[in-house]
Amino acid sequence: MTTTPGLRRDAQANLEKLRAAAVSVFSRRGLAAPLEDIAREAGVSIGTLYNRVGSREELIDAVVDDIAGAKLATLRDRTLAEDSPRARLETFISEMIGLQLSDPAMNDAMLRRYPDAVLLINACERSMALGAELVENAHDAGVLSEEFTPDDLMTVLWMAGMASRDPGAPNGWRRVVDRSISAAWTD
């Protein structure tokens, strides 16, 4: 949320407080956190939140760079720093799962729980495009089974995201995910 021309100083201050509260609450509790909690943490009414920000998706998009931007850039940098197609894909998968495990908001983002948050979905699409490129590079290098597709990659990440947040998920979910990837390598 940037400075809005013509907006009173107190209204602009409320926007900034809402933005900071949204980043804090979403990072701790995920993108489904009650908007009332964000308003309370910002010290404003829920009416002020809706009046100044609009919908949940607009609020998510207003803070997407703070929630996901740096983390996804770091993931990309670490991935592309690897020296082989296999190492790049392994790093991508490991980093993605790590983000899903450690950050409820990133997990919600990668699971595309809010498809109307356009900027968020665009960030996810860029990450998945990188994943698809890494799969293709691993195919070209002959280290990944041709049967393993970008859709398979998305499915593995989806399984990890769902299981990592479900308290009823079997304890062995991570082994199953790891075995799925291990079985896809040709060497």
N, C-alpha and C. Protein backbone atom coordinates (compact mmCIF):
# COMPACT_ATOMS: atom_id res chain seq x y z
N MET A 1 0.85 -1.16 0.00
CA MET A 1 0.00 0.00 0.00
C MET A 1 0.89 1.22 0.00
N THR A 2 0.84 1.93 -1.07
CA THR A 2 1.66 3.13 -1.19
C THR A 2 0.84 4.34 -0.80
N THR A 3 1.52 5.45 -0.69
CA THR A 3 0.83 6.69 -0.35
C THR A 3 -0.20 6.99 -1.42
N THR A 4 -1.40 7.28 -0.97
CA THR A 4 -2.49 7.58 -1.88
C THR A 4 -2.69 9.08 -1.91
N PRO A 5 -2.53 9.74 -3.07
CA PRO A 5 -2.71 11.19 -3.14
C PRO A 5 -4.11 11.59 -2.66
N GLY A 6 -4.15 12.66 -1.89
CA GLY A 6 -5.43 13.17 -1.41
C GLY A 6 -5.97 12.48 -0.17
N LEU A 7 -5.29 11.44 0.29
CA LEU A 7 -5.73 10.72 1.47
C LEU A 7 -5.24 11.46 2.72
N ARG A 8 -6.14 11.64 3.66
CA ARG A 8 -5.75 12.31 4.90
C ARG A 8 -4.59 11.55 5.56
N ARG A 9 -3.82 12.28 6.34
CA ARG A 9 -2.65 11.69 7.01
C ARG A 9 -3.05 10.53 7.91
N ASP A 10 -4.15 10.68 8.67
CA ASP A 10 -4.57 9.60 9.56
C ASP A 10 -5.04 8.38 8.77
N ALA A 11 -5.68 8.61 7.65
CA ALA A 11 -6.12 7.50 6.80
C ALA A 11 -4.91 6.78 6.21
N GLN A 12 -3.89 7.54 5.79
CA GLN A 12 -2.67 6.94 5.27
C GLN A 12 -1.96 6.15 6.36
N ALA A 13 -1.96 6.68 7.58
CA ALA A 13 -1.35 5.97 8.71
C ALA A 13 -2.08 4.66 8.97
N ASN A 14 -3.40 4.68 8.86
CA ASN A 14 -4.19 3.45 9.04
C ASN A 14 -3.83 2.41 7.98
N LEU A 15 -3.65 2.86 6.75
CA LEU A 15 -3.25 1.93 5.69
C LEU A 15 -1.92 1.28 6.01
N GLU A 16 -0.97 2.07 6.47
CA GLU A 16 0.35 1.52 6.81
C GLU A 16 0.26 0.55 7.99
N LYS A 17 -0.55 0.88 8.98
CA LYS A 17 -0.73 -0.03 10.12
C LYS A 17 -1.39 -1.32 9.67
N LEU A 18 -2.38 -1.22 8.78
CA LEU A 18 -3.03 -2.42 8.26
C LEU A 18 -2.05 -3.29 7.47
N ARG A 19 -1.22 -2.65 6.70
CA ARG A 19 -0.24 -3.38 5.91
C ARG A 19 0.72 -4.14 6.82
N ALA A 20 1.26 -3.45 7.82
CA ALA A 20 2.20 -4.09 8.75
C ALA A 20 1.53 -5.23 9.52
N ALA A 21 0.30 -5.00 9.95
CA ALA A 21 -0.42 -6.04 10.68
C ALA A 21 -0.71 -7.24 9.78
N ALA A 22 -1.07 -6.99 8.53
CA ALA A 22 -1.35 -8.08 7.60
C ALA A 22 -0.12 -8.95 7.40
N VAL A 23 1.03 -8.33 7.19
CA VAL A 23 2.27 -9.09 7.02
C VAL A 23 2.53 -9.95 8.25
N SER A 24 2.39 -9.36 9.41
CA SER A 24 2.65 -10.07 10.66
C SER A 24 1.69 -11.23 10.87
N VAL A 25 0.40 -10.96 10.76
CA VAL A 25 -0.61 -11.98 11.03
C VAL A 25 -0.59 -13.07 9.95
N PHE A 26 -0.52 -12.68 8.69
CA PHE A 26 -0.47 -13.69 7.62
C PHE A 26 0.76 -14.58 7.77
N SER A 27 1.89 -14.01 8.12
CA SER A 27 3.12 -14.80 8.26
C SER A 27 3.03 -15.80 9.39
N ARG A 28 2.35 -15.42 10.45
CA ARG A 28 2.22 -16.33 11.61
C ARG A 28 1.13 -17.37 11.41
N ARG A 29 0.02 -16.96 10.80
CA ARG A 29 -1.17 -17.81 10.82
C ARG A 29 -1.67 -18.24 9.45
N GLY A 30 -1.09 -17.73 8.40
CA GLY A 30 -1.52 -18.08 7.06
C GLY A 30 -2.50 -17.05 6.51
N LEU A 31 -2.78 -17.19 5.23
CA LEU A 31 -3.61 -16.20 4.54
C LEU A 31 -5.08 -16.28 4.91
N ALA A 32 -5.49 -17.34 5.61
CA ALA A 32 -6.88 -17.47 6.04
C ALA A 32 -7.12 -16.85 7.42
N ALA A 33 -6.10 -16.24 7.99
CA ALA A 33 -6.26 -15.61 9.31
C ALA A 33 -7.43 -14.63 9.27
N PRO A 34 -8.20 -14.58 10.33
CA PRO A 34 -9.35 -13.67 10.35
C PRO A 34 -8.94 -12.21 10.13
N LEU A 35 -9.64 -11.55 9.25
CA LEU A 35 -9.34 -10.15 8.99
C LEU A 35 -9.57 -9.30 10.23
N GLU A 36 -10.45 -9.75 11.10
CA GLU A 36 -10.68 -9.05 12.37
C GLU A 36 -9.39 -9.00 13.20
N ASP A 37 -8.62 -10.08 13.15
CA ASP A 37 -7.36 -10.12 13.89
C ASP A 37 -6.35 -9.11 13.32
N ILE A 38 -6.36 -8.96 12.01
CA ILE A 38 -5.47 -7.98 11.38
C ILE A 38 -5.88 -6.57 11.78
N ALA A 39 -7.19 -6.30 11.72
CA ALA A 39 -7.68 -4.97 12.12
C ALA A 39 -7.33 -4.70 13.58
N ARG A 40 -7.54 -5.69 14.44
CA ARG A 40 -7.25 -5.53 15.87
C ARG A 40 -5.76 -5.24 16.08
N GLU A 41 -4.89 -6.00 15.41
CA GLU A 41 -3.45 -5.77 15.56
C GLU A 41 -3.04 -4.40 15.03
N ALA A 42 -3.74 -3.92 14.01
CA ALA A 42 -3.44 -2.59 13.46
C ALA A 42 -4.04 -1.47 14.31
N GLY A 43 -4.94 -1.84 15.23
CA GLY A 43 -5.57 -0.83 16.07
C GLY A 43 -6.65 -0.05 15.37
N VAL A 44 -7.30 -0.69 14.37
CA VAL A 44 -8.39 -0.04 13.64
C VAL A 44 -9.61 -0.96 13.64
N SER A 45 -10.73 -0.44 13.23
CA SER A 45 -11.94 -1.26 13.16
C SER A 45 -11.93 -2.11 11.89
N ILE A 46 -12.72 -3.17 11.90
CA ILE A 46 -12.85 -4.00 10.70
C ILE A 46 -13.45 -3.20 9.56
N GLY A 47 -14.31 -2.24 9.91
CA GLY A 47 -14.88 -1.36 8.89
C GLY A 47 -13.80 -0.55 8.18
N THR A 48 -12.82 -0.08 8.96
CA THR A 48 -11.71 0.67 8.37
C THR A 48 -10.92 -0.22 7.42
N LEU A 49 -10.71 -1.47 7.82
CA LEU A 49 -9.99 -2.40 6.94
C LEU A 49 -10.73 -2.53 5.61
N TYR A 50 -12.02 -2.83 5.66
CA TYR A 50 -12.78 -3.01 4.42
C TYR A 50 -12.87 -1.72 3.62
N ASN A 51 -13.01 -0.59 4.32
CA ASN A 51 -13.13 0.68 3.63
C ASN A 51 -11.83 1.08 2.94
N ARG A 52 -10.71 0.83 3.58
CA ARG A 52 -9.42 1.27 3.04
C ARG A 52 -8.78 0.24 2.12
N VAL A 53 -9.03 -1.04 2.39
CA VAL A 53 -8.33 -2.08 1.63
C VAL A 53 -9.26 -2.80 0.67
N GLY A 54 -10.44 -3.11 1.08
CA GLY A 54 -11.37 -3.87 0.24
C GLY A 54 -11.45 -5.31 0.72
N SER A 55 -11.17 -6.22 -0.15
CA SER A 55 -11.34 -7.65 0.14
C SER A 55 -10.05 -8.27 0.69
N ARG A 56 -10.18 -9.50 1.14
CA ARG A 56 -9.01 -10.27 1.60
C ARG A 56 -7.98 -10.37 0.46
N GLU A 57 -8.45 -10.65 -0.74
CA GLU A 57 -7.54 -10.81 -1.86
C GLU A 57 -6.79 -9.51 -2.16
N GLU A 58 -7.46 -8.37 -2.04
CA GLU A 58 -6.79 -7.09 -2.25
C GLU A 58 -5.74 -6.85 -1.16
N LEU A 59 -6.06 -7.25 0.06
CA LEU A 59 -5.10 -7.12 1.15
C LEU A 59 -3.89 -8.03 0.92
N ILE A 60 -4.15 -9.26 0.51
CA ILE A 60 -3.06 -10.19 0.20
C ILE A 60 -2.17 -9.60 -0.89
N ASP A 61 -2.78 -9.12 -1.97
CA ASP A 61 -1.99 -8.56 -3.06
C ASP A 61 -1.21 -7.32 -2.63
N ALA A 62 -1.75 -6.58 -1.68
CA ALA A 62 -1.06 -5.38 -1.20
C ALA A 62 0.22 -5.71 -0.44
N VAL A 63 0.28 -6.92 0.13
CA VAL A 63 1.46 -7.29 0.93
C VAL A 63 2.23 -8.48 0.34
N VAL A 64 1.89 -8.90 -0.86
CA VAL A 64 2.49 -10.11 -1.43
C VAL A 64 4.02 -9.99 -1.54
N ASP A 65 4.52 -8.82 -1.88
CA ASP A 65 5.97 -8.67 -1.96
C ASP A 65 6.64 -8.90 -0.61
N ASP A 66 5.99 -8.41 0.46
CA ASP A 66 6.55 -8.59 1.80
C ASP A 66 6.44 -10.03 2.27
N ILE A 67 5.40 -10.71 1.85
CA ILE A 67 5.17 -12.09 2.29
C ILE A 67 5.99 -13.07 1.46
N ALA A 68 6.00 -12.88 0.14
CA ALA A 68 6.58 -13.89 -0.73
C ALA A 68 7.76 -13.41 -1.57
N GLY A 69 7.84 -12.14 -1.87
CA GLY A 69 8.82 -11.65 -2.83
C GLY A 69 10.26 -12.05 -2.53
N ALA A 70 10.75 -11.69 -1.37
CA ALA A 70 12.14 -11.98 -1.03
C ALA A 70 12.38 -13.48 -0.89
N LYS A 71 11.41 -14.18 -0.33
CA LYS A 71 11.57 -15.62 -0.13
C LYS A 71 11.67 -16.36 -1.46
N LEU A 72 10.82 -15.97 -2.42
CA LEU A 72 10.86 -16.63 -3.72
C LEU A 72 12.10 -16.22 -4.51
N ALA A 73 12.56 -15.00 -4.33
CA ALA A 73 13.81 -14.57 -4.98
C ALA A 73 14.99 -15.35 -4.43
N THR A 74 15.01 -15.56 -3.12
CA THR A 74 16.08 -16.36 -2.51
C THR A 74 16.03 -17.79 -3.01
N LEU A 75 14.83 -18.35 -3.09
CA LEU A 75 14.67 -19.71 -3.61
C LEU A 75 15.23 -19.79 -5.03
N ARG A 76 14.88 -18.83 -5.86
CA ARG A 76 15.37 -18.82 -7.24
C ARG A 76 16.90 -18.72 -7.27
N ASP A 77 17.46 -17.81 -6.49
CA ASP A 77 18.91 -17.63 -6.48
C ASP A 77 19.63 -18.90 -6.02
N ARG A 78 19.15 -19.51 -4.95
CA ARG A 78 19.78 -20.74 -4.45
C ARG A 78 19.68 -21.86 -5.47
N THR A 79 18.54 -21.95 -6.11
CA THR A 79 18.32 -22.99 -7.11
C THR A 79 19.27 -22.82 -8.29
N LEU A 80 19.31 -21.62 -8.83
CA LEU A 80 20.11 -21.38 -10.03
C LEU A 80 21.61 -21.36 -9.75
N ALA A 81 22.00 -21.27 -8.48
CA ALA A 81 23.42 -21.31 -8.12
C ALA A 81 23.99 -22.73 -8.20
N GLU A 82 23.14 -23.72 -8.24
CA GLU A 82 23.61 -25.11 -8.30
C GLU A 82 24.22 -25.38 -9.67
N ASP A 83 25.16 -26.35 -9.72
CA ASP A 83 25.93 -26.55 -10.95
C ASP A 83 25.44 -27.64 -11.89
N SER A 84 24.37 -28.32 -11.54
CA SER A 84 23.87 -29.36 -12.44
C SER A 84 22.34 -29.32 -12.48
N PRO A 85 21.75 -29.82 -13.56
CA PRO A 85 20.28 -29.84 -13.64
C PRO A 85 19.63 -30.61 -12.49
N ARG A 86 20.25 -31.71 -12.11
CA ARG A 86 19.69 -32.49 -11.00
C ARG A 86 19.76 -31.69 -9.70
N ALA A 87 20.91 -31.11 -9.42
CA ALA A 87 21.07 -30.34 -8.18
C ALA A 87 20.12 -29.14 -8.15
N ARG A 88 19.90 -28.51 -9.30
CA ARG A 88 18.97 -27.37 -9.35
C ARG A 88 17.55 -27.82 -9.03
N LEU A 89 17.11 -28.92 -9.63
CA LEU A 89 15.75 -29.40 -9.36
C LEU A 89 15.62 -29.88 -7.92
N GLU A 90 16.62 -30.59 -7.42
CA GLU A 90 16.57 -31.03 -6.02
C GLU A 90 16.50 -29.83 -5.06
N THR A 91 17.27 -28.80 -5.35
CA THR A 91 17.27 -27.60 -4.51
C THR A 91 15.91 -26.91 -4.58
N PHE A 92 15.37 -26.79 -5.76
CA PHE A 92 14.06 -26.17 -5.93
C PHE A 92 13.01 -26.89 -5.09
N ILE A 93 12.97 -28.21 -5.19
CA ILE A 93 11.98 -28.99 -4.45
C ILE A 93 12.20 -28.84 -2.95
N SER A 94 13.43 -28.98 -2.52
CA SER A 94 13.74 -28.86 -1.10
C SER A 94 13.38 -27.48 -0.55
N GLU A 95 13.74 -26.45 -1.29
CA GLU A 95 13.45 -25.07 -0.85
C GLU A 95 11.93 -24.82 -0.81
N MET A 96 11.22 -25.29 -1.81
CA MET A 96 9.77 -25.11 -1.85
C MET A 96 9.12 -25.81 -0.66
N ILE A 97 9.49 -27.03 -0.40
CA ILE A 97 8.92 -27.76 0.73
C ILE A 97 9.30 -27.07 2.03
N GLY A 98 10.54 -26.60 2.13
CA GLY A 98 10.96 -25.86 3.32
C GLY A 98 10.10 -24.63 3.55
N LEU A 99 9.80 -23.88 2.50
CA LEU A 99 8.93 -22.71 2.63
C LEU A 99 7.54 -23.12 3.09
N GLN A 100 7.02 -24.18 2.52
CA GLN A 100 5.68 -24.64 2.90
C GLN A 100 5.63 -25.06 4.37
N LEU A 101 6.70 -25.70 4.84
CA LEU A 101 6.73 -26.15 6.22
C LEU A 101 6.90 -25.00 7.21
N SER A 102 7.69 -24.02 6.84
CA SER A 102 8.06 -22.97 7.80
C SER A 102 7.15 -21.75 7.78
N ASP A 103 6.39 -21.57 6.73
CA ASP A 103 5.65 -20.33 6.56
C ASP A 103 4.21 -20.60 6.12
N PRO A 104 3.25 -20.46 7.04
CA PRO A 104 1.85 -20.73 6.68
C PRO A 104 1.35 -19.90 5.49
N ALA A 105 1.78 -18.66 5.39
CA ALA A 105 1.33 -17.82 4.27
C ALA A 105 1.89 -18.33 2.95
N MET A 106 3.16 -18.73 2.94
CA MET A 106 3.74 -19.28 1.71
C MET A 106 3.07 -20.60 1.33
N ASN A 107 2.72 -21.39 2.33
CA ASN A 107 2.03 -22.64 2.05
C ASN A 107 0.68 -22.33 1.39
N ASP A 108 -0.08 -21.40 1.96
CA ASP A 108 -1.36 -21.02 1.36
C ASP A 108 -1.17 -20.50 -0.06
N ALA A 109 -0.10 -19.73 -0.24
CA ALA A 109 0.17 -19.17 -1.57
C ALA A 109 0.45 -20.28 -2.57
N MET A 110 1.33 -21.22 -2.21
CA MET A 110 1.70 -22.27 -3.14
C MET A 110 0.54 -23.23 -3.42
N LEU A 111 -0.38 -23.34 -2.47
CA LEU A 111 -1.56 -24.17 -2.68
C LEU A 111 -2.66 -23.42 -3.43
N ARG A 112 -2.40 -22.15 -3.72
CA ARG A 112 -3.33 -21.31 -4.49
C ARG A 112 -4.71 -21.24 -3.84
N ARG A 113 -4.71 -21.03 -2.55
CA ARG A 113 -5.97 -20.97 -1.81
C ARG A 113 -6.78 -19.72 -2.12
N TYR A 114 -6.14 -18.71 -2.66
CA TYR A 114 -6.84 -17.45 -2.97
C TYR A 114 -6.61 -17.08 -4.43
N PRO A 115 -7.31 -17.76 -5.34
CA PRO A 115 -7.06 -17.55 -6.77
C PRO A 115 -7.40 -16.15 -7.27
N ASP A 116 -8.17 -15.39 -6.50
CA ASP A 116 -8.50 -14.03 -6.92
C ASP A 116 -7.46 -13.01 -6.48
N ALA A 117 -6.44 -13.45 -5.75
CA ALA A 117 -5.32 -12.58 -5.39
C ALA A 117 -4.34 -12.64 -6.56
N VAL A 118 -4.54 -11.78 -7.51
CA VAL A 118 -3.86 -11.85 -8.80
C VAL A 118 -2.34 -11.76 -8.68
N LEU A 119 -1.85 -10.82 -7.89
CA LEU A 119 -0.39 -10.68 -7.76
C LEU A 119 0.22 -11.90 -7.08
N LEU A 120 -0.50 -12.46 -6.14
CA LEU A 120 -0.03 -13.67 -5.47
C LEU A 120 0.03 -14.84 -6.44
N ILE A 121 -1.01 -15.02 -7.21
CA ILE A 121 -1.04 -16.11 -8.19
C ILE A 121 0.06 -15.91 -9.24
N ASN A 122 0.29 -14.66 -9.64
CA ASN A 122 1.37 -14.40 -10.60
C ASN A 122 2.73 -14.81 -10.03
N ALA A 123 2.97 -14.53 -8.76
CA ALA A 123 4.23 -14.93 -8.12
C ALA A 123 4.35 -16.45 -8.10
N CYS A 124 3.25 -17.13 -7.79
CA CYS A 124 3.26 -18.60 -7.79
C CYS A 124 3.51 -19.14 -9.19
N GLU A 125 2.89 -18.53 -10.17
CA GLU A 125 3.07 -18.99 -11.55
C GLU A 125 4.52 -18.83 -12.00
N ARG A 126 5.17 -17.75 -11.61
CA ARG A 126 6.59 -17.56 -11.96
C ARG A 126 7.43 -18.66 -11.33
N SER A 127 7.13 -19.01 -10.09
CA SER A 127 7.87 -20.08 -9.42
C SER A 127 7.64 -21.42 -10.09
N MET A 128 6.41 -21.68 -10.46
CA MET A 128 6.12 -22.95 -11.11
C MET A 128 6.69 -23.00 -12.52
N ALA A 129 6.79 -21.85 -13.18
CA ALA A 129 7.44 -21.81 -14.49
C ALA A 129 8.92 -22.18 -14.34
N LEU A 130 9.55 -21.69 -13.27
CA LEU A 130 10.93 -22.08 -13.00
C LEU A 130 11.01 -23.58 -12.77
N GLY A 131 10.08 -24.12 -11.99
CA GLY A 131 10.06 -25.57 -11.75
C GLY A 131 9.91 -26.35 -13.04
N ALA A 132 9.02 -25.91 -13.93
CA ALA A 132 8.82 -26.58 -15.22
C ALA A 132 10.10 -26.52 -16.06
N GLU A 133 10.77 -25.38 -16.03
CA GLU A 133 12.03 -25.24 -16.76
C GLU A 133 13.09 -26.18 -16.20
N LEU A 134 13.13 -26.32 -14.88
CA LEU A 134 14.10 -27.22 -14.26
C LEU A 134 13.82 -28.67 -14.61
N VAL A 135 12.54 -29.05 -14.68
CA VAL A 135 12.18 -30.40 -15.10
C VAL A 135 12.65 -30.64 -16.53
N GLU A 136 12.38 -29.67 -17.40
CA GLU A 136 12.79 -29.81 -18.80
C GLU A 136 14.32 -29.90 -18.93
N ASN A 137 15.04 -29.10 -18.17
CA ASN A 137 16.51 -29.15 -18.20
C ASN A 137 17.02 -30.50 -17.71
N ALA A 138 16.38 -31.06 -16.69
CA ALA A 138 16.78 -32.37 -16.18
C ALA A 138 16.47 -33.45 -17.22
N HIS A 139 15.37 -33.31 -17.94
CA HIS A 139 15.07 -34.25 -19.04
C HIS A 139 16.17 -34.16 -20.10
N ASP A 140 16.49 -32.93 -20.51
CA ASP A 140 17.51 -32.73 -21.55
C ASP A 140 18.86 -33.31 -21.14
N ALA A 141 19.17 -33.25 -19.86
CA ALA A 141 20.44 -33.79 -19.36
C ALA A 141 20.39 -35.30 -19.18
N GLY A 142 19.20 -35.89 -19.32
CA GLY A 142 19.06 -37.34 -19.19
C GLY A 142 19.08 -37.85 -17.77
N VAL A 143 18.88 -36.96 -16.78
CA VAL A 143 18.95 -37.40 -15.38
C VAL A 143 17.57 -37.59 -14.75
N LEU A 144 16.53 -37.20 -15.47
CA LEU A 144 15.16 -37.31 -14.95
C LEU A 144 14.31 -38.08 -15.93
N SER A 145 13.54 -39.02 -15.41
CA SER A 145 12.65 -39.80 -16.26
C SER A 145 11.73 -38.89 -17.06
N GLU A 146 11.58 -39.20 -18.33
CA GLU A 146 10.68 -38.43 -19.19
C GLU A 146 9.24 -38.50 -18.69
N GLU A 147 8.94 -39.54 -17.91
CA GLU A 147 7.58 -39.69 -17.38
C GLU A 147 7.28 -38.69 -16.27
N PHE A 148 8.31 -38.12 -15.66
CA PHE A 148 8.11 -37.12 -14.60
C PHE A 148 7.92 -35.77 -15.27
N THR A 149 6.74 -35.20 -15.09
CA THR A 149 6.37 -33.97 -15.78
C THR A 149 6.30 -32.79 -14.81
N PRO A 150 6.20 -31.58 -15.34
CA PRO A 150 5.96 -30.43 -14.46
C PRO A 150 4.69 -30.60 -13.60
N ASP A 151 3.70 -31.28 -14.15
CA ASP A 151 2.49 -31.55 -13.37
C ASP A 151 2.80 -32.47 -12.19
N ASP A 152 3.69 -33.43 -12.40
CA ASP A 152 4.11 -34.29 -11.30
C ASP A 152 4.82 -33.48 -10.22
N LEU A 153 5.65 -32.54 -10.64
CA LEU A 153 6.33 -31.67 -9.69
C LEU A 153 5.31 -30.89 -8.86
N MET A 154 4.34 -30.31 -9.53
CA MET A 154 3.31 -29.55 -8.82
C MET A 154 2.53 -30.46 -7.88
N THR A 155 2.27 -31.68 -8.28
CA THR A 155 1.54 -32.63 -7.44
C THR A 155 2.34 -32.97 -6.19
N VAL A 156 3.63 -33.19 -6.34
CA VAL A 156 4.48 -33.50 -5.18
C VAL A 156 4.48 -32.32 -4.22
N LEU A 157 4.61 -31.11 -4.75
CA LEU A 157 4.61 -29.92 -3.89
C LEU A 157 3.25 -29.71 -3.24
N TRP A 158 2.19 -30.00 -3.96
CA TRP A 158 0.84 -29.89 -3.40
C TRP A 158 0.67 -30.90 -2.26
N MET A 159 1.12 -32.14 -2.47
CA MET A 159 1.02 -33.15 -1.42
C MET A 159 1.78 -32.70 -0.18
N ALA A 160 2.96 -32.17 -0.37
CA ALA A 160 3.76 -31.70 0.76
C ALA A 160 3.06 -30.55 1.48
N GLY A 161 2.49 -29.65 0.71
CA GLY A 161 1.80 -28.51 1.31
C GLY A 161 0.58 -28.93 2.10
N MET A 162 -0.21 -29.83 1.55
CA MET A 162 -1.41 -30.29 2.24
C MET A 162 -1.03 -31.07 3.50
N ALA A 163 -0.09 -31.99 3.37
CA ALA A 163 0.27 -32.83 4.51
C ALA A 163 0.96 -32.02 5.62
N SER A 164 1.74 -31.03 5.23
CA SER A 164 2.49 -30.28 6.24
C SER A 164 1.60 -29.47 7.15
N ARG A 165 0.39 -29.18 6.74
CA ARG A 165 -0.53 -28.38 7.55
C ARG A 165 -1.68 -29.18 8.15
N ASP A 166 -1.74 -30.46 7.83
CA ASP A 166 -2.84 -31.29 8.34
C ASP A 166 -2.34 -32.08 9.54
N PRO A 167 -2.86 -31.75 10.75
CA PRO A 167 -2.39 -32.47 11.93
C PRO A 167 -2.72 -33.96 11.88
N GLY A 168 -3.68 -34.36 11.05
CA GLY A 168 -4.03 -35.76 10.92
C GLY A 168 -3.26 -36.50 9.85
N ALA A 169 -2.35 -35.80 9.17
CA ALA A 169 -1.58 -36.45 8.11
C ALA A 169 -0.67 -37.52 8.71
N PRO A 170 -0.52 -38.63 8.00
CA PRO A 170 0.37 -39.69 8.50
C PRO A 170 1.79 -39.16 8.64
N ASN A 171 2.51 -39.65 9.64
CA ASN A 171 3.88 -39.20 9.88
C ASN A 171 4.82 -39.47 8.71
N GLY A 172 4.50 -40.43 7.89
CA GLY A 172 5.39 -40.81 6.79
C GLY A 172 5.21 -40.01 5.52
N TRP A 173 4.45 -38.93 5.55
CA TRP A 173 4.19 -38.18 4.31
C TRP A 173 5.48 -37.71 3.65
N ARG A 174 6.44 -37.27 4.43
CA ARG A 174 7.68 -36.75 3.85
C ARG A 174 8.47 -37.85 3.16
N ARG A 175 8.48 -39.06 3.75
CA ARG A 175 9.17 -40.18 3.10
C ARG A 175 8.53 -40.49 1.75
N VAL A 176 7.21 -40.44 1.68
CA VAL A 176 6.51 -40.72 0.42
C VAL A 176 6.87 -39.66 -0.62
N VAL A 177 6.89 -38.41 -0.22
CA VAL A 177 7.27 -37.34 -1.14
C VAL A 177 8.71 -37.55 -1.61
N ASP A 178 9.61 -37.81 -0.68
CA ASP A 178 11.02 -38.01 -1.05
C ASP A 178 11.19 -39.22 -1.97
N ARG A 179 10.46 -40.29 -1.71
CA ARG A 179 10.55 -41.48 -2.57
C ARG A 179 10.01 -41.19 -3.96
N SER A 180 8.98 -40.38 -4.04
CA SER A 180 8.43 -40.01 -5.35
C SER A 180 9.48 -39.31 -6.21
N ILE A 181 10.23 -38.44 -5.59
CA ILE A 181 11.29 -37.73 -6.32
C ILE A 181 12.45 -38.68 -6.62
N SER A 182 12.86 -39.45 -5.63
CA SER A 182 13.98 -40.38 -5.84
C SER A 182 13.72 -41.35 -6.98
N ALA A 183 12.49 -41.80 -7.10
CA ALA A 183 12.16 -42.77 -8.14
C ALA A 183 12.17 -42.15 -9.54
N ALA A 184 12.14 -40.83 -9.61
CA ALA A 184 12.08 -40.16 -10.92
C ALA A 184 13.45 -39.98 -11.54
N TRP A 185 14.53 -40.10 -10.76
CA TRP A 185 15.88 -39.91 -11.32
C TRP A 185 16.28 -41.13 -12.14
N THR A 186 17.02 -40.93 -13.20
CA THR A 186 17.42 -42.04 -14.06
C THR A 186 18.76 -42.64 -13.67
N ASP A 187 19.56 -41.90 -12.90
CA ASP A 187 20.89 -42.44 -12.57
C ASP A 187 20.95 -42.98 -11.17
